[in-house]
mmCIF file of all heavy atoms, coordinates in Angstrom:
data_MODEL
# 
_entry.id   MODEL 
# 
loop_
_atom_site.group_PDB 
_atom_site.id 
_atom_site.type_symbol 
_atom_site.label_atom_id 
_atom_site.label_alt_id 
_atom_site.label_comp_id 
_atom_site.label_asym_id 
_atom_site.label_entity_id 
_atom_site.label_seq_id 
_atom_site.pdbx_PDB_ins_code 
_atom_site.Cartn_x 
_atom_site.Cartn_y 
_atom_site.Cartn_z 
_atom_site.occupancy 
_atom_site.B_iso_or_equiv 
_atom_site.pdbx_formal_charge 
_atom_site.auth_seq_id 
_atom_site.auth_comp_id 
_atom_site.auth_asym_id 
_atom_site.auth_atom_id 
_atom_site.pdbx_PDB_model_num 
ATOM 1   N N   . GLU A 1 1  ? 101.786 94.872 97.048  1.00 0.00 ? 1  GLU A N   1 
ATOM 2   C CA  . GLU A 1 1  ? 101.469 93.864 96.046  1.00 0.00 ? 1  GLU A CA  1 
ATOM 3   C C   . GLU A 1 1  ? 102.128 94.209 94.719  1.00 0.00 ? 1  GLU A C   1 
ATOM 4   O O   . GLU A 1 1  ? 102.335 95.382 94.402  1.00 0.00 ? 1  GLU A O   1 
ATOM 5   C CB  . GLU A 1 1  ? 99.952  93.755 95.831  1.00 0.00 ? 1  GLU A CB  1 
ATOM 6   C CG  . GLU A 1 1  ? 99.141  93.514 97.092  1.00 0.00 ? 1  GLU A CG  1 
ATOM 7   C CD  . GLU A 1 1  ? 98.592  94.792 97.688  1.00 0.00 ? 1  GLU A CD  1 
ATOM 8   O OE1 . GLU A 1 1  ? 99.180  95.870 97.454  1.00 0.00 ? 1  GLU A OE1 1 
ATOM 9   O OE2 . GLU A 1 1  ? 97.561  94.717 98.387  1.00 0.00 ? 1  GLU A OE2 1 
ATOM 10  N N   . SER A 1 2  ? 102.410 93.182 93.957  1.00 0.00 ? 2  SER A N   1 
ATOM 11  C CA  . SER A 1 2  ? 102.935 93.364 92.617  1.00 0.00 ? 2  SER A CA  1 
ATOM 12  C C   . SER A 1 2  ? 102.553 92.160 91.774  1.00 0.00 ? 2  SER A C   1 
ATOM 13  O O   . SER A 1 2  ? 102.132 91.134 92.302  1.00 0.00 ? 2  SER A O   1 
ATOM 14  C CB  . SER A 1 2  ? 104.457 93.548 92.626  1.00 0.00 ? 2  SER A CB  1 
ATOM 15  O OG  . SER A 1 2  ? 105.109 92.403 93.151  1.00 0.00 ? 2  SER A OG  1 
ATOM 16  N N   . GLY A 1 3  ? 102.698 92.294 90.478  1.00 0.00 ? 3  GLY A N   1 
ATOM 17  C CA  . GLY A 1 3  ? 102.455 91.186 89.571  1.00 0.00 ? 3  GLY A CA  1 
ATOM 18  C C   . GLY A 1 3  ? 101.161 91.259 88.794  1.00 0.00 ? 3  GLY A C   1 
ATOM 19  O O   . GLY A 1 3  ? 100.908 90.398 87.940  1.00 0.00 ? 3  GLY A O   1 
ATOM 20  N N   . GLY A 1 4  ? 100.336 92.257 89.061  1.00 0.00 ? 4  GLY A N   1 
ATOM 21  C CA  . GLY A 1 4  ? 99.098  92.392 88.321  1.00 0.00 ? 4  GLY A CA  1 
ATOM 22  C C   . GLY A 1 4  ? 99.339  92.831 86.896  1.00 0.00 ? 4  GLY A C   1 
ATOM 23  O O   . GLY A 1 4  ? 100.439 93.223 86.515  1.00 0.00 ? 4  GLY A O   1 
ATOM 24  N N   . GLY A 1 5  ? 98.287  92.751 86.105  1.00 0.00 ? 5  GLY A N   1 
ATOM 25  C CA  . GLY A 1 5  ? 98.385  93.143 84.711  1.00 0.00 ? 5  GLY A CA  1 
ATOM 26  C C   . GLY A 1 5  ? 97.197  92.660 83.926  1.00 0.00 ? 5  GLY A C   1 
ATOM 27  O O   . GLY A 1 5  ? 96.197  92.213 84.490  1.00 0.00 ? 5  GLY A O   1 
ATOM 28  N N   . SER A 1 6  ? 97.307  92.755 82.626  1.00 0.00 ? 6  SER A N   1 
ATOM 29  C CA  . SER A 1 6  ? 96.255  92.312 81.718  1.00 0.00 ? 6  SER A CA  1 
ATOM 30  C C   . SER A 1 6  ? 96.664  91.016 81.044  1.00 0.00 ? 6  SER A C   1 
ATOM 31  O O   . SER A 1 6  ? 97.809  90.864 80.600  1.00 0.00 ? 6  SER A O   1 
ATOM 32  C CB  . SER A 1 6  ? 95.969  93.381 80.662  1.00 0.00 ? 6  SER A CB  1 
ATOM 33  O OG  . SER A 1 6  ? 95.506  94.585 81.252  1.00 0.00 ? 6  SER A OG  1 
ATOM 34  N N   . VAL A 1 7  ? 95.728  90.089 80.978  1.00 0.00 ? 7  VAL A N   1 
ATOM 35  C CA  . VAL A 1 7  ? 96.004  88.785 80.402  1.00 0.00 ? 7  VAL A CA  1 
ATOM 36  C C   . VAL A 1 7  ? 94.735  88.256 79.751  1.00 0.00 ? 7  VAL A C   1 
ATOM 37  O O   . VAL A 1 7  ? 93.623  88.605 80.154  1.00 0.00 ? 7  VAL A O   1 
ATOM 38  C CB  . VAL A 1 7  ? 96.514  87.808 81.485  1.00 0.00 ? 7  VAL A CB  1 
ATOM 39  C CG1 . VAL A 1 7  ? 95.437  87.564 82.531  1.00 0.00 ? 7  VAL A CG1 1 
ATOM 40  C CG2 . VAL A 1 7  ? 96.987  86.507 80.881  1.00 0.00 ? 7  VAL A CG2 1 
ATOM 41  N N   . GLN A 1 8  ? 94.903  87.432 78.748  1.00 0.00 ? 8  GLN A N   1 
ATOM 42  C CA  . GLN A 1 8  ? 93.754  86.810 78.106  1.00 0.00 ? 8  GLN A CA  1 
ATOM 43  C C   . GLN A 1 8  ? 93.264  85.615 78.911  1.00 0.00 ? 8  GLN A C   1 
ATOM 44  O O   . GLN A 1 8  ? 94.006  85.026 79.693  1.00 0.00 ? 8  GLN A O   1 
ATOM 45  C CB  . GLN A 1 8  ? 94.105  86.363 76.685  1.00 0.00 ? 8  GLN A CB  1 
ATOM 46  C CG  . GLN A 1 8  ? 94.314  87.505 75.708  1.00 0.00 ? 8  GLN A CG  1 
ATOM 47  C CD  . GLN A 1 8  ? 94.516  87.018 74.292  1.00 0.00 ? 8  GLN A CD  1 
ATOM 48  O OE1 . GLN A 1 8  ? 95.304  86.106 74.043  1.00 0.00 ? 8  GLN A OE1 1 
ATOM 49  N NE2 . GLN A 1 8  ? 93.799  87.618 73.364  1.00 0.00 ? 8  GLN A NE2 1 
ATOM 50  N N   . ALA A 1 9  ? 92.004  85.290 78.728  1.00 0.00 ? 9  ALA A N   1 
ATOM 51  C CA  . ALA A 1 9  ? 91.428  84.141 79.410  1.00 0.00 ? 9  ALA A CA  1 
ATOM 52  C C   . ALA A 1 9  ? 92.265  82.895 79.163  1.00 0.00 ? 9  ALA A C   1 
ATOM 53  O O   . ALA A 1 9  ? 92.704  82.638 78.042  1.00 0.00 ? 9  ALA A O   1 
ATOM 54  C CB  . ALA A 1 9  ? 89.991  83.920 78.947  1.00 0.00 ? 9  ALA A CB  1 
ATOM 55  N N   . GLY A 1 10 ? 92.475  82.135 80.236  1.00 0.00 ? 10 GLY A N   1 
ATOM 56  C CA  . GLY A 1 10 ? 93.303  80.950 80.158  1.00 0.00 ? 10 GLY A CA  1 
ATOM 57  C C   . GLY A 1 10 ? 94.745  81.187 80.529  1.00 0.00 ? 10 GLY A C   1 
ATOM 58  O O   . GLY A 1 10 ? 95.496  80.223 80.730  1.00 0.00 ? 10 GLY A O   1 
ATOM 59  N N   . GLY A 1 11 ? 95.140  82.437 80.640  1.00 0.00 ? 11 GLY A N   1 
ATOM 60  C CA  . GLY A 1 11 ? 96.503  82.773 80.986  1.00 0.00 ? 11 GLY A CA  1 
ATOM 61  C C   . GLY A 1 11 ? 96.757  82.702 82.475  1.00 0.00 ? 11 GLY A C   1 
ATOM 62  O O   . GLY A 1 11 ? 95.888  82.343 83.264  1.00 0.00 ? 11 GLY A O   1 
ATOM 63  N N   . SER A 1 12 ? 97.982  83.067 82.856  1.00 0.00 ? 12 SER A N   1 
ATOM 64  C CA  . SER A 1 12 ? 98.409  82.981 84.245  1.00 0.00 ? 12 SER A CA  1 
ATOM 65  C C   . SER A 1 12 ? 99.090  84.263 84.690  1.00 0.00 ? 12 SER A C   1 
ATOM 66  O O   . SER A 1 12 ? 99.690  84.971 83.886  1.00 0.00 ? 12 SER A O   1 
ATOM 67  C CB  . SER A 1 12 ? 99.377  81.813 84.443  1.00 0.00 ? 12 SER A CB  1 
ATOM 68  O OG  . SER A 1 12 ? 98.777  80.570 84.129  1.00 0.00 ? 12 SER A OG  1 
ATOM 69  N N   . LEU A 1 13 ? 98.991  84.522 85.978  1.00 0.00 ? 13 LEU A N   1 
ATOM 70  C CA  . LEU A 1 13 ? 99.702  85.607 86.619  1.00 0.00 ? 13 LEU A CA  1 
ATOM 71  C C   . LEU A 1 13 ? 100.125 85.146 88.006  1.00 0.00 ? 13 LEU A C   1 
ATOM 72  O O   . LEU A 1 13 ? 99.452  84.313 88.608  1.00 0.00 ? 13 LEU A O   1 
ATOM 73  C CB  . LEU A 1 13 ? 98.846  86.861 86.747  1.00 0.00 ? 13 LEU A CB  1 
ATOM 74  C CG  . LEU A 1 13 ? 98.549  87.676 85.492  1.00 0.00 ? 13 LEU A CG  1 
ATOM 75  C CD1 . LEU A 1 13 ? 97.520  88.754 85.812  1.00 0.00 ? 13 LEU A CD1 1 
ATOM 76  C CD2 . LEU A 1 13 ? 99.817  88.304 84.948  1.00 0.00 ? 13 LEU A CD2 1 
ATOM 77  N N   . ARG A 1 14 ? 101.209 85.697 88.495  1.00 0.00 ? 14 ARG A N   1 
ATOM 78  C CA  . ARG A 1 14 ? 101.626 85.448 89.864  1.00 0.00 ? 14 ARG A CA  1 
ATOM 79  C C   . ARG A 1 14 ? 101.722 86.770 90.607  1.00 0.00 ? 14 ARG A C   1 
ATOM 80  O O   . ARG A 1 14 ? 102.527 87.635 90.256  1.00 0.00 ? 14 ARG A O   1 
ATOM 81  C CB  . ARG A 1 14 ? 102.972 84.717 89.939  1.00 0.00 ? 14 ARG A CB  1 
ATOM 82  C CG  . ARG A 1 14 ? 103.313 84.268 91.365  1.00 0.00 ? 14 ARG A CG  1 
ATOM 83  C CD  . ARG A 1 14 ? 104.650 83.582 91.469  1.00 0.00 ? 14 ARG A CD  1 
ATOM 84  N NE  . ARG A 1 14 ? 105.760 84.523 91.368  1.00 0.00 ? 14 ARG A NE  1 
ATOM 85  C CZ  . ARG A 1 14 ? 107.020 84.210 91.630  1.00 0.00 ? 14 ARG A CZ  1 
ATOM 86  N NH1 . ARG A 1 14 ? 107.334 82.975 92.008  1.00 0.00 ? 14 ARG A NH1 1 
ATOM 87  N NH2 . ARG A 1 14 ? 107.973 85.122 91.496  1.00 0.00 ? 14 ARG A NH2 1 
ATOM 88  N N   . LEU A 1 15 ? 100.907 86.904 91.621  1.00 0.00 ? 15 LEU A N   1 
ATOM 89  C CA  . LEU A 1 15 ? 100.929 88.082 92.456  1.00 0.00 ? 15 LEU A CA  1 
ATOM 90  C C   . LEU A 1 15 ? 101.864 87.855 93.638  1.00 0.00 ? 15 LEU A C   1 
ATOM 91  O O   . LEU A 1 15 ? 101.953 86.749 94.168  1.00 0.00 ? 15 LEU A O   1 
ATOM 92  C CB  . LEU A 1 15 ? 99.534  88.420 92.971  1.00 0.00 ? 15 LEU A CB  1 
ATOM 93  C CG  . LEU A 1 15 ? 98.427  88.563 91.926  1.00 0.00 ? 15 LEU A CG  1 
ATOM 94  C CD1 . LEU A 1 15 ? 97.129  88.989 92.598  1.00 0.00 ? 15 LEU A CD1 1 
ATOM 95  C CD2 . LEU A 1 15 ? 98.828  89.545 90.837  1.00 0.00 ? 15 LEU A CD2 1 
ATOM 96  N N   . SER A 1 16 ? 102.546 88.914 94.035  1.00 0.00 ? 16 SER A N   1 
ATOM 97  C CA  . SER A 1 16 ? 103.461 88.848 95.163  1.00 0.00 ? 16 SER A CA  1 
ATOM 98  C C   . SER A 1 16 ? 103.035 89.831 96.235  1.00 0.00 ? 16 SER A C   1 
ATOM 99  O O   . SER A 1 16 ? 102.505 90.899 95.936  1.00 0.00 ? 16 SER A O   1 
ATOM 100 C CB  . SER A 1 16 ? 104.892 89.173 94.721  1.00 0.00 ? 16 SER A CB  1 
ATOM 101 O OG  . SER A 1 16 ? 105.344 88.265 93.737  1.00 0.00 ? 16 SER A OG  1 
ATOM 102 N N   . CYS A 1 17 ? 103.274 89.457 97.472  1.00 0.00 ? 17 CYS A N   1 
ATOM 103 C CA  . CYS A 1 17 ? 103.005 90.319 98.609  1.00 0.00 ? 17 CYS A CA  1 
ATOM 104 C C   . CYS A 1 17 ? 104.252 90.388 99.464  1.00 0.00 ? 17 CYS A C   1 
ATOM 105 O O   . CYS A 1 17 ? 104.688 89.372 100.006 1.00 0.00 ? 17 CYS A O   1 
ATOM 106 C CB  . CYS A 1 17 ? 101.821 89.804 99.429  1.00 0.00 ? 17 CYS A CB  1 
ATOM 107 S SG  . CYS A 1 17 ? 101.454 90.809 100.884 1.00 0.00 ? 17 CYS A SG  1 
ATOM 108 N N   . ALA A 1 18 ? 104.804 91.571 99.571  1.00 0.00 ? 18 ALA A N   1 
ATOM 109 C CA  . ALA A 1 18 ? 105.963 91.814 100.413 1.00 0.00 ? 18 ALA A CA  1 
ATOM 110 C C   . ALA A 1 18 ? 105.567 92.771 101.522 1.00 0.00 ? 18 ALA A C   1 
ATOM 111 O O   . ALA A 1 18 ? 104.887 93.767 101.272 1.00 0.00 ? 18 ALA A O   1 
ATOM 112 C CB  . ALA A 1 18 ? 107.114 92.390 99.605  1.00 0.00 ? 18 ALA A CB  1 
ATOM 113 N N   . ALA A 1 19 ? 105.989 92.477 102.727 1.00 0.00 ? 19 ALA A N   1 
ATOM 114 C CA  . ALA A 1 19 ? 105.670 93.316 103.877 1.00 0.00 ? 19 ALA A CA  1 
ATOM 115 C C   . ALA A 1 19 ? 106.947 93.835 104.497 1.00 0.00 ? 19 ALA A C   1 
ATOM 116 O O   . ALA A 1 19 ? 107.717 93.067 105.080 1.00 0.00 ? 19 ALA A O   1 
ATOM 117 C CB  . ALA A 1 19 ? 104.849 92.541 104.902 1.00 0.00 ? 19 ALA A CB  1 
ATOM 118 N N   . SER A 1 20 ? 107.164 95.115 104.374 1.00 0.00 ? 20 SER A N   1 
ATOM 119 C CA  . SER A 1 20 ? 108.351 95.716 104.956 1.00 0.00 ? 20 SER A CA  1 
ATOM 120 C C   . SER A 1 20 ? 108.228 95.770 106.474 1.00 0.00 ? 20 SER A C   1 
ATOM 121 O O   . SER A 1 20 ? 107.152 96.043 107.014 1.00 0.00 ? 20 SER A O   1 
ATOM 122 C CB  . SER A 1 20 ? 108.565 97.125 104.398 1.00 0.00 ? 20 SER A CB  1 
ATOM 123 O OG  . SER A 1 20 ? 107.464 97.962 104.719 1.00 0.00 ? 20 SER A OG  1 
ATOM 124 N N   . GLY A 1 21 ? 109.335 95.494 107.149 1.00 0.00 ? 21 GLY A N   1 
ATOM 125 C CA  . GLY A 1 21 ? 109.354 95.569 108.593 1.00 0.00 ? 21 GLY A CA  1 
ATOM 126 C C   . GLY A 1 21 ? 108.513 94.522 109.290 1.00 0.00 ? 21 GLY A C   1 
ATOM 127 O O   . GLY A 1 21 ? 108.082 94.735 110.426 1.00 0.00 ? 21 GLY A O   1 
ATOM 128 N N   . TYR A 1 22 ? 108.296 93.398 108.645 1.00 0.00 ? 22 TYR A N   1 
ATOM 129 C CA  . TYR A 1 22 ? 107.432 92.360 109.198 1.00 0.00 ? 22 TYR A CA  1 
ATOM 130 C C   . TYR A 1 22 ? 107.863 91.000 108.699 1.00 0.00 ? 22 TYR A C   1 
ATOM 131 O O   . TYR A 1 22 ? 108.313 90.863 107.564 1.00 0.00 ? 22 TYR A O   1 
ATOM 132 C CB  . TYR A 1 22 ? 105.978 92.627 108.805 1.00 0.00 ? 22 TYR A CB  1 
ATOM 133 C CG  . TYR A 1 22 ? 104.959 91.779 109.522 1.00 0.00 ? 22 TYR A CG  1 
ATOM 134 C CD1 . TYR A 1 22 ? 104.555 92.099 110.810 1.00 0.00 ? 22 TYR A CD1 1 
ATOM 135 C CD2 . TYR A 1 22 ? 104.406 90.672 108.905 1.00 0.00 ? 22 TYR A CD2 1 
ATOM 136 C CE1 . TYR A 1 22 ? 103.620 91.334 111.474 1.00 0.00 ? 22 TYR A CE1 1 
ATOM 137 C CE2 . TYR A 1 22 ? 103.467 89.894 109.559 1.00 0.00 ? 22 TYR A CE2 1 
ATOM 138 C CZ  . TYR A 1 22 ? 103.076 90.226 110.837 1.00 0.00 ? 22 TYR A CZ  1 
ATOM 139 O OH  . TYR A 1 22 ? 102.139 89.460 111.489 1.00 0.00 ? 22 TYR A OH  1 
ATOM 140 N N   . SER A 1 23 ? 107.707 90.024 109.561 1.00 0.00 ? 23 SER A N   1 
ATOM 141 C CA  . SER A 1 23 ? 107.972 88.638 109.201 1.00 0.00 ? 23 SER A CA  1 
ATOM 142 C C   . SER A 1 23 ? 106.705 87.825 109.389 1.00 0.00 ? 23 SER A C   1 
ATOM 143 O O   . SER A 1 23 ? 105.960 88.035 110.339 1.00 0.00 ? 23 SER A O   1 
ATOM 144 C CB  . SER A 1 23 ? 109.096 88.047 110.055 1.00 0.00 ? 23 SER A CB  1 
ATOM 145 O OG  . SER A 1 23 ? 110.321 88.711 109.823 1.00 0.00 ? 23 SER A OG  1 
ATOM 146 N N   . TYR A 1 24 ? 106.469 86.909 108.469 1.00 0.00 ? 24 TYR A N   1 
ATOM 147 C CA  . TYR A 1 24 ? 105.286 86.065 108.545 1.00 0.00 ? 24 TYR A CA  1 
ATOM 148 C C   . TYR A 1 24 ? 105.535 84.929 109.528 1.00 0.00 ? 24 TYR A C   1 
ATOM 149 O O   . TYR A 1 24 ? 106.107 83.893 109.168 1.00 0.00 ? 24 TYR A O   1 
ATOM 150 C CB  . TYR A 1 24 ? 104.941 85.515 107.171 1.00 0.00 ? 24 TYR A CB  1 
ATOM 151 C CG  . TYR A 1 24 ? 104.709 86.577 106.125 1.00 0.00 ? 24 TYR A CG  1 
ATOM 152 C CD1 . TYR A 1 24 ? 105.516 86.651 104.999 1.00 0.00 ? 24 TYR A CD1 1 
ATOM 153 C CD2 . TYR A 1 24 ? 103.671 87.489 106.266 1.00 0.00 ? 24 TYR A CD2 1 
ATOM 154 C CE1 . TYR A 1 24 ? 105.298 87.612 104.035 1.00 0.00 ? 24 TYR A CE1 1 
ATOM 155 C CE2 . TYR A 1 24 ? 103.447 88.453 105.307 1.00 0.00 ? 24 TYR A CE2 1 
ATOM 156 C CZ  . TYR A 1 24 ? 104.259 88.512 104.191 1.00 0.00 ? 24 TYR A CZ  1 
ATOM 157 O OH  . TYR A 1 24 ? 104.036 89.471 103.229 1.00 0.00 ? 24 TYR A OH  1 
ATOM 158 N N   . VAL A 1 25 ? 105.116 85.120 110.766 1.00 0.00 ? 25 VAL A N   1 
ATOM 159 C CA  . VAL A 1 25 ? 105.312 84.134 111.819 1.00 0.00 ? 25 VAL A CA  1 
ATOM 160 C C   . VAL A 1 25 ? 104.003 83.930 112.564 1.00 0.00 ? 25 VAL A C   1 
ATOM 161 O O   . VAL A 1 25 ? 103.514 84.843 113.246 1.00 0.00 ? 25 VAL A O   1 
ATOM 162 C CB  . VAL A 1 25 ? 106.417 84.561 112.795 1.00 0.00 ? 25 VAL A CB  1 
ATOM 163 C CG1 . VAL A 1 25 ? 106.577 83.518 113.886 1.00 0.00 ? 25 VAL A CG1 1 
ATOM 164 C CG2 . VAL A 1 25 ? 107.734 84.767 112.059 1.00 0.00 ? 25 VAL A CG2 1 
ATOM 165 N N   . ARG A 1 26 ? 103.441 82.746 112.430 1.00 0.00 ? 26 ARG A N   1 
ATOM 166 C CA  . ARG A 1 26 ? 102.217 82.373 113.139 1.00 0.00 ? 26 ARG A CA  1 
ATOM 167 C C   . ARG A 1 26 ? 101.134 83.434 113.000 1.00 0.00 ? 26 ARG A C   1 
ATOM 168 O O   . ARG A 1 26 ? 100.539 83.895 113.978 1.00 0.00 ? 26 ARG A O   1 
ATOM 169 C CB  . ARG A 1 26 ? 102.525 82.079 114.606 1.00 0.00 ? 26 ARG A CB  1 
ATOM 170 C CG  . ARG A 1 26 ? 103.506 80.934 114.810 1.00 0.00 ? 26 ARG A CG  1 
ATOM 171 C CD  . ARG A 1 26 ? 103.652 80.561 116.263 1.00 0.00 ? 26 ARG A CD  1 
ATOM 172 N NE  . ARG A 1 26 ? 102.425 79.997 116.808 1.00 0.00 ? 26 ARG A NE  1 
ATOM 173 C CZ  . ARG A 1 26 ? 102.277 79.598 118.063 1.00 0.00 ? 26 ARG A CZ  1 
ATOM 174 N NH1 . ARG A 1 26 ? 103.297 79.702 118.905 1.00 0.00 ? 26 ARG A NH1 1 
ATOM 175 N NH2 . ARG A 1 26 ? 101.127 79.100 118.462 1.00 0.00 ? 26 ARG A NH2 1 
ATOM 176 N N   . ASN A 1 27 ? 100.900 83.809 111.783 1.00 0.00 ? 27 ASN A N   1 
ATOM 177 C CA  . ASN A 1 27 ? 99.813  84.715 111.482 1.00 0.00 ? 27 ASN A CA  1 
ATOM 178 C C   . ASN A 1 27 ? 99.182  84.293 110.166 1.00 0.00 ? 27 ASN A C   1 
ATOM 179 O O   . ASN A 1 27 ? 99.518  83.254 109.607 1.00 0.00 ? 27 ASN A O   1 
ATOM 180 C CB  . ASN A 1 27 ? 100.301 86.165 111.436 1.00 0.00 ? 27 ASN A CB  1 
ATOM 181 C CG  . ASN A 1 27 ? 101.329 86.409 110.349 1.00 0.00 ? 27 ASN A CG  1 
ATOM 182 O OD1 . ASN A 1 27 ? 101.805 85.485 109.683 1.00 0.00 ? 27 ASN A OD1 1 
ATOM 183 N ND2 . ASN A 1 27 ? 101.679 87.684 110.159 1.00 0.00 ? 27 ASN A ND2 1 
ATOM 184 N N   . CYS A 1 28 ? 98.265  85.107 109.679 1.00 0.00 ? 28 CYS A N   1 
ATOM 185 C CA  . CYS A 1 28 ? 97.566  84.776 108.452 1.00 0.00 ? 28 CYS A CA  1 
ATOM 186 C C   . CYS A 1 28 ? 97.812  85.838 107.397 1.00 0.00 ? 28 CYS A C   1 
ATOM 187 O O   . CYS A 1 28 ? 97.778  87.035 107.697 1.00 0.00 ? 28 CYS A O   1 
ATOM 188 C CB  . CYS A 1 28 ? 96.064  84.638 108.706 1.00 0.00 ? 28 CYS A CB  1 
ATOM 189 S SG  . CYS A 1 28 ? 95.127  84.096 107.252 1.00 0.00 ? 28 CYS A SG  1 
ATOM 190 N N   . VAL A 1 29 ? 98.031  85.392 106.192 1.00 0.00 ? 29 VAL A N   1 
ATOM 191 C CA  . VAL A 1 29 ? 98.124  86.271 105.043 1.00 0.00 ? 29 VAL A CA  1 
ATOM 192 C C   . VAL A 1 29 ? 96.972  85.938 104.112 1.00 0.00 ? 29 VAL A C   1 
ATOM 193 O O   . VAL A 1 29 ? 96.784  84.772 103.753 1.00 0.00 ? 29 VAL A O   1 
ATOM 194 C CB  . VAL A 1 29 ? 99.461  86.115 104.307 1.00 0.00 ? 29 VAL A CB  1 
ATOM 195 C CG1 . VAL A 1 29 ? 99.523  87.074 103.123 1.00 0.00 ? 29 VAL A CG1 1 
ATOM 196 C CG2 . VAL A 1 29 ? 100.620 86.364 105.262 1.00 0.00 ? 29 VAL A CG2 1 
# 
């Protein structure tokens, strides 16, 4: 995971999830 941090109320963040050695195919994240 990446993208976390500190933000004030009302702000935005985008978290990312990367999986090494894996492809998202017919599964759940």
